[in-house]
Protein backbone atom coordinates (compact mmCIF):
# COMPACT_ATOMS: atom_id res chain seq x y z
CA MET A 1 -3.32 -9.75 -27.01
CA ASP A 2 -4.43 -6.78 -24.94
CA VAL A 3 -7.15 -4.61 -26.44
CA PRO A 4 -5.78 -1.05 -26.87
CA GLU A 5 -7.33 1.64 -24.71
CA GLY A 6 -10.37 3.12 -26.38
CA HIS A 7 -10.46 0.42 -29.09
CA MET A 8 -13.82 -1.04 -30.01
CA SER A 9 -14.49 -3.86 -32.45
CA GLU A 10 -17.23 -6.22 -33.49
CA GLU A 11 -15.62 -9.01 -31.46
CA ARG A 12 -17.88 -10.71 -28.96
CA HIS A 13 -16.17 -10.12 -25.68
CA ILE A 14 -15.73 -12.36 -22.65
CA THR A 15 -15.94 -11.01 -19.12
CA ILE A 16 -14.82 -12.76 -15.96
CA THR A 17 -16.12 -11.35 -12.69
CA ILE A 18 -14.33 -12.38 -9.51
CA SER A 19 -16.04 -11.89 -6.16
CA ARG A 20 -13.73 -12.73 -3.28
CA GLN A 21 -13.47 -12.91 0.47
CA MET A 22 -10.71 -10.87 2.06
CA GLY A 23 -7.50 -12.88 2.21
CA SER A 24 -8.65 -15.50 -0.32
CA GLY A 25 -6.22 -14.28 -2.97
CA GLY A 26 -8.96 -13.23 -5.37
CA ALA A 27 -7.16 -10.16 -6.70
CA TYR A 28 -3.92 -12.10 -7.22
CA ILE A 29 -5.81 -14.89 -8.99
CA GLY A 30 -7.52 -12.29 -11.16
CA HIS A 31 -4.11 -10.93 -12.19
CA LEU A 32 -2.95 -14.43 -13.13
CA VAL A 33 -6.07 -15.02 -15.22
CA ALA A 34 -5.87 -11.66 -16.99
CA LYS A 35 -2.19 -12.17 -17.80
CA GLU A 36 -2.72 -15.69 -19.13
CA LEU A 37 -5.68 -14.68 -21.34
CA GLY A 38 -4.43 -11.23 -22.33
CA PHE A 39 -7.55 -9.63 -20.83
CA LYS A 40 -7.81 -6.21 -19.24
CA TYR A 41 -7.67 -6.31 -15.42
CA LEU A 42 -9.98 -3.88 -13.66
CA ASP A 43 -10.55 -3.13 -10.00
CA ARG A 44 -9.84 0.40 -8.79
CA GLU A 45 -10.04 1.61 -12.40
CA ILE A 46 -13.82 1.29 -12.12
CA LEU A 47 -13.85 3.47 -9.01
CA ARG A 48 -11.63 6.00 -10.79
CA LYS A 49 -14.04 6.18 -13.72
CA ALA A 50 -16.94 6.66 -11.30
CA ALA A 51 -15.10 9.50 -9.54
CA GLU A 52 -14.54 11.22 -12.89
CA ARG A 53 -18.25 11.06 -13.73
CA PHE A 54 -19.22 12.36 -10.29
CA GLY A 55 -16.66 15.13 -10.70
CA THR A 56 -14.73 14.28 -7.55
CA ASP A 57 -11.55 12.60 -6.32
CA VAL A 58 -11.24 8.81 -5.94
CA SER A 59 -10.39 9.21 -2.25
CA MET A 60 -13.81 10.77 -1.66
CA LEU A 61 -15.53 7.58 -2.84
CA GLU A 62 -13.29 4.91 -1.37
CA ASP A 63 -15.25 4.51 1.87
CA LEU A 64 -18.49 4.12 -0.10
CA SER A 65 -17.17 1.40 -2.37
CA GLU A 66 -18.23 -2.13 -1.38
CA ARG A 67 -19.48 -0.88 1.98
CA SER A 68 -23.04 -0.77 3.20
CA PRO A 69 -24.73 2.60 3.83
CA GLY A 70 -24.73 3.90 7.36
CA ILE A 71 -22.34 6.20 9.13
CA ILE A 72 -20.33 6.43 5.90
CA GLU A 73 -23.26 8.25 4.31
CA THR A 74 -23.07 10.92 7.01
CA ILE A 75 -19.34 11.30 6.44
CA ILE A 76 -19.72 11.59 2.67
CA LYS A 77 -22.43 14.23 3.03
CA GLY A 78 -20.04 16.20 5.15
CA PHE A 79 -17.41 15.95 2.42
CA SER A 80 -19.88 17.06 -0.21
CA TYR A 81 -20.34 20.39 1.53
CA GLY A 82 -16.65 20.77 2.37
CA THR A 83 -14.89 20.24 5.68
CA PRO A 84 -12.15 22.14 7.51
CA THR A 85 -9.66 19.36 6.73
CA SER A 86 -10.57 18.95 3.06
CA GLY A 87 -8.77 22.01 1.79
CA ILE A 88 -6.78 20.20 -0.90
CA LEU A 89 -9.70 18.03 -2.01
CA GLN A 90 -12.27 19.07 -4.55
CA PRO A 91 -15.74 19.02 -2.93
CA MET A 92 -18.43 17.00 -4.69
CA ARG A 93 -21.01 18.84 -6.71
CA GLN A 94 -23.70 17.08 -4.66
CA PRO A 95 -23.87 14.33 -2.01
CA VAL A 96 -23.07 10.85 -3.30
CA TYR A 97 -24.56 7.83 -1.58
CA SER A 98 -23.66 4.14 -1.67
CA LYS A 99 -26.63 3.37 -3.95
CA ASP A 100 -25.61 6.12 -6.37
CA LEU A 101 -22.11 4.71 -6.58
CA PHE A 102 -23.31 1.12 -6.93
CA ILE A 103 -25.64 1.99 -9.80
CA LEU A 104 -22.92 3.96 -11.60
CA GLU A 105 -20.32 1.24 -11.11
CA CYS A 106 -22.76 -1.32 -12.52
CA LYS A 107 -23.23 0.89 -15.59
CA ILE A 108 -19.47 1.28 -16.03
CA ILE A 109 -18.98 -2.49 -15.70
CA GLN A 110 -21.63 -3.09 -18.38
CA GLU A 111 -19.87 -0.63 -20.69
CA ILE A 112 -16.53 -2.36 -20.11
CA ALA A 113 -18.07 -5.77 -20.85
CA ASN A 114 -19.31 -4.45 -24.19
CA GLN A 115 -15.90 -3.06 -25.16
CA TYR A 116 -13.21 -5.41 -23.89
CA ASN A 117 -12.27 -8.89 -22.83
CA ALA A 118 -11.88 -8.22 -19.12
CA VAL A 119 -11.36 -9.60 -15.63
CA ILE A 120 -13.32 -7.51 -13.13
CA ILE A 121 -12.57 -7.76 -9.42
CA GLY A 122 -15.41 -7.10 -6.97
CA ARG A 123 -17.54 -3.97 -7.48
CA GLY A 124 -20.69 -6.10 -7.70
CA GLY A 125 -19.63 -7.24 -11.16
CA PHE A 126 -21.41 -10.59 -10.83
CA TYR A 127 -24.68 -8.72 -10.23
CA ALA A 128 -24.15 -6.02 -12.86
CA LEU A 129 -23.64 -8.67 -15.55
CA ARG A 130 -26.06 -11.28 -14.23
CA GLU A 131 -28.24 -11.21 -17.36
CA GLN A 132 -25.47 -10.90 -19.93
CA PRO A 133 -24.10 -13.83 -21.95
CA ARG A 134 -20.39 -14.64 -22.24
CA VAL A 135 -19.78 -13.82 -18.59
CA ILE A 136 -18.05 -16.19 -16.17
CA ARG A 137 -19.05 -15.35 -12.61
CA VAL A 138 -16.58 -16.65 -10.02
CA PHE A 139 -16.67 -16.61 -6.22
CA ILE A 140 -13.38 -17.26 -4.41
CA HIS A 141 -13.48 -18.14 -0.74
CA ALA A 142 -11.09 -19.78 1.70
CA ALA A 143 -10.85 -21.12 5.23
CA ARG A 144 -10.99 -18.34 7.85
CA GLU A 145 -7.57 -18.99 9.43
CA PHE A 146 -5.94 -19.26 6.00
CA ARG A 147 -7.30 -15.83 5.18
CA VAL A 148 -6.23 -14.40 8.52
CA LYS A 149 -2.65 -15.57 7.96
CA ARG A 150 -2.60 -14.15 4.43
CA VAL A 151 -3.93 -10.78 5.61
CA MET A 152 -1.18 -10.70 8.25
CA GLN A 153 1.41 -11.43 5.58
CA VAL A 154 0.15 -9.04 2.91
CA GLN A 155 -0.74 -6.15 5.22
CA LYS A 156 2.25 -6.65 7.53
CA ILE A 157 0.07 -7.16 10.60
CA THR A 158 1.72 -8.76 13.63
CA ASP A 159 -1.36 -8.98 15.89
CA ILE A 160 -3.40 -12.04 14.91
CA GLN A 161 -6.53 -10.70 16.62
CA GLU A 162 -6.33 -7.52 14.56
CA ALA A 163 -6.18 -9.62 11.41
CA ARG A 164 -9.09 -11.76 12.55
CA ASN A 165 -11.15 -8.65 13.18
CA LYS A 166 -10.31 -7.30 9.72
CA VAL A 167 -11.43 -10.53 8.05
CA LYS A 168 -14.62 -10.72 10.12
CA ASP A 169 -15.50 -7.07 9.49
CA SER A 170 -14.85 -7.44 5.76
CA ASP A 171 -17.07 -10.53 5.49
CA GLN A 172 -19.91 -8.81 7.31
CA SER A 173 -19.51 -5.53 5.43
CA ARG A 174 -19.44 -7.09 1.96
CA THR A 175 -22.38 -9.37 2.76
CA LYS A 176 -24.47 -6.47 4.05
CA TYR A 177 -23.45 -4.23 1.15
CA ILE A 178 -24.64 -6.63 -1.54
CA ARG A 179 -27.81 -7.40 0.42
CA ASP A 180 -28.59 -3.69 0.78
CA MET A 181 -27.65 -2.76 -2.79
CA ALA A 182 -28.95 -5.79 -4.72
CA GLY A 183 -31.24 -7.60 -2.29
CA ILE A 184 -29.40 -10.91 -2.59
CA ASP A 185 -27.06 -13.09 -0.54
CA TRP A 186 -23.50 -12.42 -1.72
CA THR A 187 -22.30 -15.91 -0.73
CA ASP A 188 -25.15 -17.85 -2.39
CA SER A 189 -23.47 -20.21 -4.85
CA ARG A 190 -26.41 -19.81 -7.25
CA ASN A 191 -25.11 -16.34 -8.09
CA PHE A 192 -21.99 -17.84 -9.64
CA HIS A 193 -20.86 -20.32 -12.26
CA LEU A 194 -17.83 -21.36 -10.25
CA CYS A 195 -17.14 -21.28 -6.49
CA ILE A 196 -13.63 -22.23 -5.42
CA ASP A 197 -11.92 -22.68 -2.06
CA SER A 198 -8.51 -21.23 -2.88
CA SER A 199 -7.00 -22.47 0.37
CA PHE A 200 -7.71 -26.04 -0.81
CA VAL A 201 -7.22 -25.72 -4.57
CA GLY A 202 -4.33 -23.23 -4.60
CA PHE A 203 -4.03 -19.85 -6.33
CA ARG A 204 -2.44 -20.97 -9.60
CA GLU A 205 -4.69 -24.00 -9.89
CA THR A 206 -7.73 -21.78 -9.31
CA ALA A 207 -6.54 -19.44 -12.05
CA LYS A 208 -6.08 -22.39 -14.41
CA MET A 209 -9.67 -23.54 -13.83
CA ILE A 210 -10.99 -20.09 -14.74
CA VAL A 211 -8.76 -19.87 -17.81
CA ILE A 212 -10.04 -23.26 -19.00
CA LEU A 213 -13.63 -21.99 -18.89
CA ALA A 214 -12.70 -18.86 -20.85
CA GLU A 215 -10.79 -20.91 -23.42
CA LYS A 216 -13.83 -23.15 -23.80
CA ILE A 217 -15.91 -20.13 -24.80
CA LYS A 218 -13.21 -19.06 -27.27
CA LEU A 219 -13.15 -22.52 -28.84
CA SER A 220 -16.93 -22.49 -29.11
CA ASP A 221 -16.71 -19.17 -30.95
CA GLN A 222 -14.16 -20.57 -33.40
CA GLY A 223 -16.35 -23.60 -34.02
CA ASN A 224 -19.40 -21.45 -34.68
CA ALA A 225 -17.42 -19.21 -37.03
CA LYS A 226 -16.52 -22.22 -39.20
CA GLU A 227 -20.11 -23.36 -39.56
């Protein structure tokens, strides 16, 4: 059963974080898991909550999310002071940097984990909840050409080289982002409880494996409650 918005209880919650390579089907798998378990599914909702706390629009933070600092920081500083083309957008109260956003998103993720049973996609969730119990940290990867073909299909791209560049840029960007923000290697299997090649296992089978782990925790809870 879904937990109503704003509801809090004494229940010990379970959180599943899914880190994923572009084109590996991580978001789709997350949806399957959340639906099967009745958990809340969160991805852009975290960015929306961060935008609310910064007092700005989600679109102003999108380029900062899951991207390493660099030229984006210069762009965002420009937005914070207003630009000729930003007439319909609310300027930020002060410049927001990648590190600021990462720290706030980690805090929001921790709050969510304390309130709901949830599946959290990306956003450094595996790092934000690295020291918390009752968290299943999952990394979903897949063969490069499998991901390229899926990106072409999902994003309606007809040029295979364009799709290959997107996948390559995403891999590099996400790796650098986590290294810069958290000081760790994003693809190191030691960061996760479960690493799955979705191109080999399949999306639904991958989702089933994650659900089994969550159900195991639930059963453990029921057993402890009877003691």
